[in-house]
C-alpha cells in the first residue's frame, strides 16, 4: 500500500472525520446529556412547586435519549454492561411514559 491508499482507507474508516473532531463530538454529547438532566430537574422542581404535580414528560424524553445512546454503544462495542444500562434507561423511560399517560388521563374532560 502506498501513502494515498493508506490515507484513503483511514478516511473511509473514520468517515472523513479526524480524531479531534470525534473527541469534540463525544465531549459535546456528554455535556448535552448533563445539561438535559439538569433541565429535567429544574422543570420537575418548577412543576412540583408551582403546579403541585410531578411532570413525567421531560423524564420520558430524557430517559429515551439516554437509552438510545447506550443501545448504540452496545451495538457498536458489544459490551454487555452497555446493554444492561440501555435496558435500565428503557425501563425508566417506560415508567415515566406510563406516569405521563396516567397524568394526562386525569385531566381528561
N, C-alpha and C. Protein backbone atom coordinates (compact mmCIF):
# COMPACT_ATOMS: atom_id res chain seq x y z
N UNK A 1 0.84 -1.19 0.00
CA UNK A 1 0.00 0.00 0.00
C UNK A 1 0.88 1.25 0.00
N UNK A 2 0.50 2.18 -0.83
CA UNK A 2 1.23 3.44 -0.81
C UNK A 2 0.55 4.41 0.15
N UNK A 3 1.11 5.56 0.27
CA UNK A 3 0.64 6.56 1.25
C UNK A 3 -0.81 6.98 0.97
N UNK A 4 -1.14 7.20 -0.29
CA UNK A 4 -2.50 7.63 -0.65
C UNK A 4 -3.54 6.56 -0.33
N UNK A 5 -3.21 5.31 -0.56
CA UNK A 5 -4.15 4.23 -0.25
C UNK A 5 -4.39 4.13 1.25
N UNK A 6 -3.33 4.31 2.03
CA UNK A 6 -3.46 4.28 3.48
C UNK A 6 -4.33 5.43 3.96
N UNK A 7 -4.10 6.64 3.42
CA UNK A 7 -4.91 7.80 3.81
C UNK A 7 -6.37 7.60 3.41
N UNK A 8 -6.61 7.05 2.23
CA UNK A 8 -7.98 6.82 1.77
C UNK A 8 -8.68 5.80 2.68
N UNK A 9 -7.97 4.74 3.06
CA UNK A 9 -8.56 3.73 3.95
C UNK A 9 -8.86 4.34 5.31
N UNK A 10 -7.97 5.18 5.80
CA UNK A 10 -8.19 5.84 7.09
C UNK A 10 -9.39 6.77 7.03
N UNK A 11 -9.52 7.52 5.95
CA UNK A 11 -10.68 8.42 5.80
C UNK A 11 -11.97 7.63 5.76
N UNK A 12 -11.96 6.52 5.04
CA UNK A 12 -13.15 5.68 4.96
C UNK A 12 -13.51 5.12 6.33
N UNK A 13 -12.52 4.64 7.07
CA UNK A 13 -12.75 4.07 8.40
C UNK A 13 -13.27 5.12 9.37
N UNK A 14 -12.76 6.33 9.29
CA UNK A 14 -13.16 7.40 10.22
C UNK A 14 -14.28 8.26 9.67
N UNK A 15 -14.88 7.86 8.55
CA UNK A 15 -15.99 8.58 7.94
C UNK A 15 -15.63 10.04 7.69
N UNK A 16 -14.44 10.27 7.16
CA UNK A 16 -13.94 11.60 6.83
C UNK A 16 -13.89 12.55 8.03
N UNK A 17 -13.79 12.03 9.22
CA UNK A 17 -13.66 12.85 10.43
C UNK A 17 -12.30 12.58 11.04
N UNK A 18 -11.67 13.61 11.50
CA UNK A 18 -10.38 13.40 12.15
C UNK A 18 -10.61 13.17 13.64
N UNK A 19 -9.58 12.73 14.33
CA UNK A 19 -9.67 12.38 15.74
C UNK A 19 -10.12 13.55 16.62
N UNK A 20 -9.57 14.76 16.45
CA UNK A 20 -10.04 15.87 17.29
C UNK A 20 -11.53 16.16 17.11
N UNK A 21 -12.02 16.01 15.89
CA UNK A 21 -13.45 16.24 15.65
C UNK A 21 -14.29 15.18 16.36
N UNK A 22 -13.86 13.93 16.34
CA UNK A 22 -14.58 12.86 17.03
C UNK A 22 -14.60 13.10 18.54
N UNK A 23 -13.46 13.53 19.09
CA UNK A 23 -13.39 13.82 20.53
C UNK A 23 -14.31 14.99 20.88
N UNK A 24 -14.37 15.98 20.01
CA UNK A 24 -15.24 17.13 20.24
C UNK A 24 -16.71 16.71 20.24
N UNK A 25 -17.09 15.85 19.31
CA UNK A 25 -18.47 15.36 19.27
C UNK A 25 -18.81 14.56 20.52
N UNK A 26 -17.87 13.75 20.98
CA UNK A 26 -18.08 12.97 22.20
C UNK A 26 -18.25 13.90 23.40
N UNK A 27 -17.40 14.91 23.50
CA UNK A 27 -17.47 15.87 24.60
C UNK A 27 -18.79 16.65 24.56
N UNK A 28 -19.19 17.07 23.37
CA UNK A 28 -20.45 17.80 23.23
C UNK A 28 -21.64 16.93 23.65
N UNK A 29 -21.63 15.66 23.25
CA UNK A 29 -22.71 14.76 23.65
C UNK A 29 -22.75 14.53 25.14
N UNK A 30 -21.59 14.42 25.75
CA UNK A 30 -21.51 14.22 27.19
C UNK A 30 -22.06 15.42 27.95
N UNK A 31 -21.65 16.60 27.52
CA UNK A 31 -22.14 17.82 28.18
C UNK A 31 -23.64 18.03 27.95
N UNK A 32 -24.10 17.74 26.74
CA UNK A 32 -25.52 17.94 26.46
C UNK A 32 -26.38 16.99 27.30
N UNK A 33 -25.90 15.78 27.58
CA UNK A 33 -26.65 14.85 28.43
C UNK A 33 -26.75 15.40 29.86
N UNK A 34 -25.68 15.99 30.35
CA UNK A 34 -25.71 16.57 31.70
C UNK A 34 -26.65 17.77 31.77
N UNK A 35 -26.60 18.62 30.74
CA UNK A 35 -27.49 19.79 30.71
C UNK A 35 -28.94 19.33 30.61
N UNK A 36 -29.19 18.29 29.83
CA UNK A 36 -30.55 17.74 29.73
C UNK A 36 -31.06 17.24 31.07
N UNK A 37 -30.22 16.55 31.81
CA UNK A 37 -30.62 16.07 33.14
C UNK A 37 -30.90 17.24 34.08
N UNK A 38 -30.05 18.26 34.04
CA UNK A 38 -30.25 19.44 34.88
C UNK A 38 -31.56 20.14 34.53
N UNK A 39 -31.85 20.29 33.24
CA UNK A 39 -33.10 20.92 32.84
C UNK A 39 -34.31 20.10 33.26
N UNK A 40 -34.21 18.78 33.18
CA UNK A 40 -35.31 17.93 33.65
C UNK A 40 -35.56 18.15 35.14
N UNK A 41 -34.48 18.26 35.91
CA UNK A 41 -34.61 18.52 37.35
C UNK A 41 -35.28 19.86 37.60
N UNK A 42 -34.86 20.90 36.89
CA UNK A 42 -35.42 22.24 37.08
C UNK A 42 -36.90 22.25 36.69
N UNK A 43 -37.24 21.66 35.55
CA UNK A 43 -38.64 21.63 35.10
C UNK A 43 -39.50 20.84 36.09
N UNK A 44 -38.99 19.71 36.57
CA UNK A 44 -39.72 18.91 37.54
C UNK A 44 -39.91 19.66 38.85
N UNK A 45 -38.89 20.35 39.30
CA UNK A 45 -38.98 21.14 40.52
C UNK A 45 -40.01 22.27 40.36
N UNK A 46 -39.96 22.96 39.24
CA UNK A 46 -40.95 24.02 39.00
C UNK A 46 -42.36 23.45 38.96
N UNK A 47 -42.54 22.32 38.32
CA UNK A 47 -43.86 21.69 38.28
C UNK A 47 -44.34 21.29 39.66
N UNK A 48 -43.43 20.81 40.48
CA UNK A 48 -43.81 20.41 41.84
C UNK A 48 -44.18 21.62 42.69
N UNK A 49 -43.41 22.69 42.57
CA UNK A 49 -43.64 23.87 43.39
C UNK A 49 -44.84 24.66 42.90
N UNK A 50 -44.91 24.94 41.61
CA UNK A 50 -45.95 25.82 41.08
C UNK A 50 -47.27 25.10 40.82
N UNK A 51 -47.24 23.90 40.30
CA UNK A 51 -48.47 23.20 39.96
C UNK A 51 -48.79 22.07 40.93
N UNK A 52 -47.88 21.81 41.85
CA UNK A 52 -48.04 20.72 42.81
C UNK A 52 -48.31 19.39 42.11
N UNK A 53 -47.59 19.20 41.01
CA UNK A 53 -47.72 17.99 40.20
C UNK A 53 -46.34 17.52 39.76
N UNK A 54 -46.17 16.22 39.70
CA UNK A 54 -44.95 15.64 39.15
C UNK A 54 -45.09 15.64 37.63
N UNK A 55 -44.10 16.21 36.94
CA UNK A 55 -44.11 16.23 35.48
C UNK A 55 -43.25 15.07 34.97
N UNK A 56 -43.87 14.17 34.23
CA UNK A 56 -43.18 12.98 33.74
C UNK A 56 -42.65 13.13 32.32
N UNK A 57 -43.22 14.05 31.56
CA UNK A 57 -42.85 14.22 30.16
C UNK A 57 -41.36 14.44 29.93
N UNK A 58 -40.75 15.41 30.64
CA UNK A 58 -39.31 15.63 30.42
C UNK A 58 -38.47 14.39 30.72
N UNK A 59 -38.86 13.64 31.74
CA UNK A 59 -38.09 12.44 32.09
C UNK A 59 -38.26 11.34 31.06
N UNK A 60 -39.45 11.20 30.50
CA UNK A 60 -39.66 10.19 29.45
C UNK A 60 -38.76 10.50 28.25
N UNK A 61 -38.68 11.77 27.89
CA UNK A 61 -37.83 12.16 26.76
C UNK A 61 -36.35 11.94 27.10
N UNK A 62 -35.93 12.39 28.26
CA UNK A 62 -34.52 12.27 28.65
C UNK A 62 -34.09 10.81 28.74
N UNK A 63 -34.90 9.99 29.42
CA UNK A 63 -34.53 8.57 29.55
C UNK A 63 -34.53 7.88 28.19
N UNK A 64 -35.43 8.28 27.29
CA UNK A 64 -35.43 7.73 25.94
C UNK A 64 -34.16 8.07 25.18
N UNK A 65 -33.70 9.31 25.34
CA UNK A 65 -32.45 9.72 24.69
C UNK A 65 -31.27 8.94 25.25
N UNK A 66 -31.22 8.79 26.55
CA UNK A 66 -30.11 8.07 27.17
C UNK A 66 -30.14 6.58 26.80
N UNK A 67 -31.33 6.01 26.76
CA UNK A 67 -31.45 4.60 26.37
C UNK A 67 -30.93 4.39 24.96
N UNK A 68 -31.27 5.30 24.06
CA UNK A 68 -30.81 5.19 22.69
C UNK A 68 -29.29 5.31 22.62
N UNK A 69 -28.73 6.25 23.37
CA UNK A 69 -27.28 6.44 23.38
C UNK A 69 -26.57 5.16 23.84
N UNK A 70 -27.05 4.55 24.91
CA UNK A 70 -26.40 3.34 25.43
C UNK A 70 -26.65 2.14 24.52
N UNK A 71 -27.81 2.09 23.87
CA UNK A 71 -28.07 0.99 22.94
C UNK A 71 -27.13 1.06 21.74
N UNK A 72 -26.90 2.25 21.24
CA UNK A 72 -25.96 2.40 20.13
C UNK A 72 -24.55 1.99 20.56
N UNK A 73 -24.18 2.38 21.77
CA UNK A 73 -22.86 1.95 22.29
C UNK A 73 -22.78 0.42 22.33
N UNK A 74 -23.85 -0.22 22.79
CA UNK A 74 -23.85 -1.69 22.84
C UNK A 74 -23.74 -2.29 21.44
N UNK A 75 -24.50 -1.75 20.50
CA UNK A 75 -24.48 -2.29 19.15
C UNK A 75 -23.12 -2.13 18.48
N UNK A 76 -22.40 -1.08 18.82
CA UNK A 76 -21.08 -0.86 18.23
C UNK A 76 -19.98 -1.64 18.93
N UNK A 77 -20.04 -1.75 20.27
CA UNK A 77 -18.94 -2.34 21.02
C UNK A 77 -19.25 -3.71 21.60
N UNK A 78 -20.52 -4.10 21.61
CA UNK A 78 -20.95 -5.43 22.08
C UNK A 78 -20.59 -5.71 23.53
N UNK A 79 -20.59 -4.67 24.36
CA UNK A 79 -20.33 -4.89 25.80
C UNK A 79 -21.66 -5.09 26.51
N UNK A 80 -21.74 -6.14 27.30
CA UNK A 80 -22.99 -6.48 27.99
C UNK A 80 -23.39 -5.41 29.00
N UNK A 81 -22.42 -4.74 29.60
CA UNK A 81 -22.76 -3.70 30.57
C UNK A 81 -23.49 -2.55 29.89
N UNK A 82 -23.13 -2.24 28.65
CA UNK A 82 -23.84 -1.19 27.91
C UNK A 82 -25.29 -1.59 27.66
N UNK A 83 -25.51 -2.87 27.38
CA UNK A 83 -26.87 -3.36 27.17
C UNK A 83 -27.69 -3.27 28.46
N UNK A 84 -27.08 -3.61 29.58
CA UNK A 84 -27.77 -3.53 30.87
C UNK A 84 -28.17 -2.09 31.17
N UNK A 85 -27.26 -1.15 30.94
CA UNK A 85 -27.57 0.27 31.18
C UNK A 85 -28.67 0.73 30.22
N UNK A 86 -28.60 0.31 28.96
CA UNK A 86 -29.64 0.67 27.98
C UNK A 86 -31.00 0.15 28.43
N UNK A 87 -31.05 -1.09 28.89
CA UNK A 87 -32.32 -1.66 29.36
C UNK A 87 -32.84 -0.93 30.60
N UNK A 88 -31.93 -0.52 31.47
CA UNK A 88 -32.33 0.26 32.65
C UNK A 88 -32.97 1.58 32.22
N UNK A 89 -32.34 2.27 31.28
CA UNK A 89 -32.90 3.53 30.80
C UNK A 89 -34.21 3.33 30.06
N UNK A 90 -34.34 2.24 29.29
CA UNK A 90 -35.60 1.95 28.63
C UNK A 90 -36.71 1.68 29.65
N UNK A 91 -36.37 1.00 30.74
CA UNK A 91 -37.34 0.75 31.80
C UNK A 91 -37.79 2.06 32.46
N UNK A 92 -36.81 2.93 32.75
CA UNK A 92 -37.15 4.23 33.33
C UNK A 92 -37.99 5.06 32.37
N UNK A 93 -37.66 4.99 31.07
CA UNK A 93 -38.44 5.71 30.08
C UNK A 93 -39.89 5.20 30.06
N UNK A 94 -40.05 3.88 30.08
CA UNK A 94 -41.40 3.30 30.07
C UNK A 94 -42.19 3.71 31.31
N UNK A 95 -41.53 3.71 32.47
CA UNK A 95 -42.20 4.11 33.70
C UNK A 95 -42.61 5.58 33.65
N UNK A 96 -41.71 6.43 33.15
CA UNK A 96 -42.05 7.86 33.03
C UNK A 96 -43.17 8.06 32.02
N UNK A 97 -43.16 7.28 30.95
CA UNK A 97 -44.21 7.40 29.94
C UNK A 97 -45.56 6.98 30.51
N UNK A 98 -45.56 5.91 31.29
CA UNK A 98 -46.80 5.47 31.94
C UNK A 98 -47.30 6.56 32.89
N UNK A 99 -46.40 7.16 33.66
CA UNK A 99 -46.78 8.27 34.53
C UNK A 99 -47.35 9.43 33.76
N UNK A 100 -46.76 9.74 32.62
CA UNK A 100 -47.26 10.82 31.77
C UNK A 100 -48.67 10.53 31.26
N UNK A 101 -48.88 9.31 30.78
CA UNK A 101 -50.20 8.93 30.26
C UNK A 101 -51.24 8.96 31.38
N UNK A 102 -50.88 8.46 32.56
CA UNK A 102 -51.82 8.49 33.70
C UNK A 102 -52.18 9.92 34.07
N UNK A 103 -51.18 10.79 34.07
CA UNK A 103 -51.42 12.20 34.41
C UNK A 103 -52.33 12.86 33.37
N UNK A 104 -52.10 12.56 32.11
CA UNK A 104 -52.94 13.11 31.05
C UNK A 104 -54.35 12.55 31.12
N UNK A 105 -54.47 11.31 31.53
CA UNK A 105 -55.79 10.68 31.67
C UNK A 105 -56.59 11.37 32.77
N UNK A 106 -55.92 11.84 33.83
CA UNK A 106 -56.59 12.51 34.95
C UNK A 106 -57.21 13.82 34.53
N UNK A 107 -56.59 14.55 33.61
CA UNK A 107 -57.09 15.88 33.22
C UNK A 107 -58.05 15.80 32.04
N UNK A 108 -58.35 14.61 31.61
CA UNK A 108 -59.28 14.43 30.50
C UNK A 108 -60.67 14.91 30.92
N UNK A 109 -61.39 15.62 30.03
CA UNK A 109 -62.74 16.11 30.39
C UNK A 109 -63.76 15.02 30.52
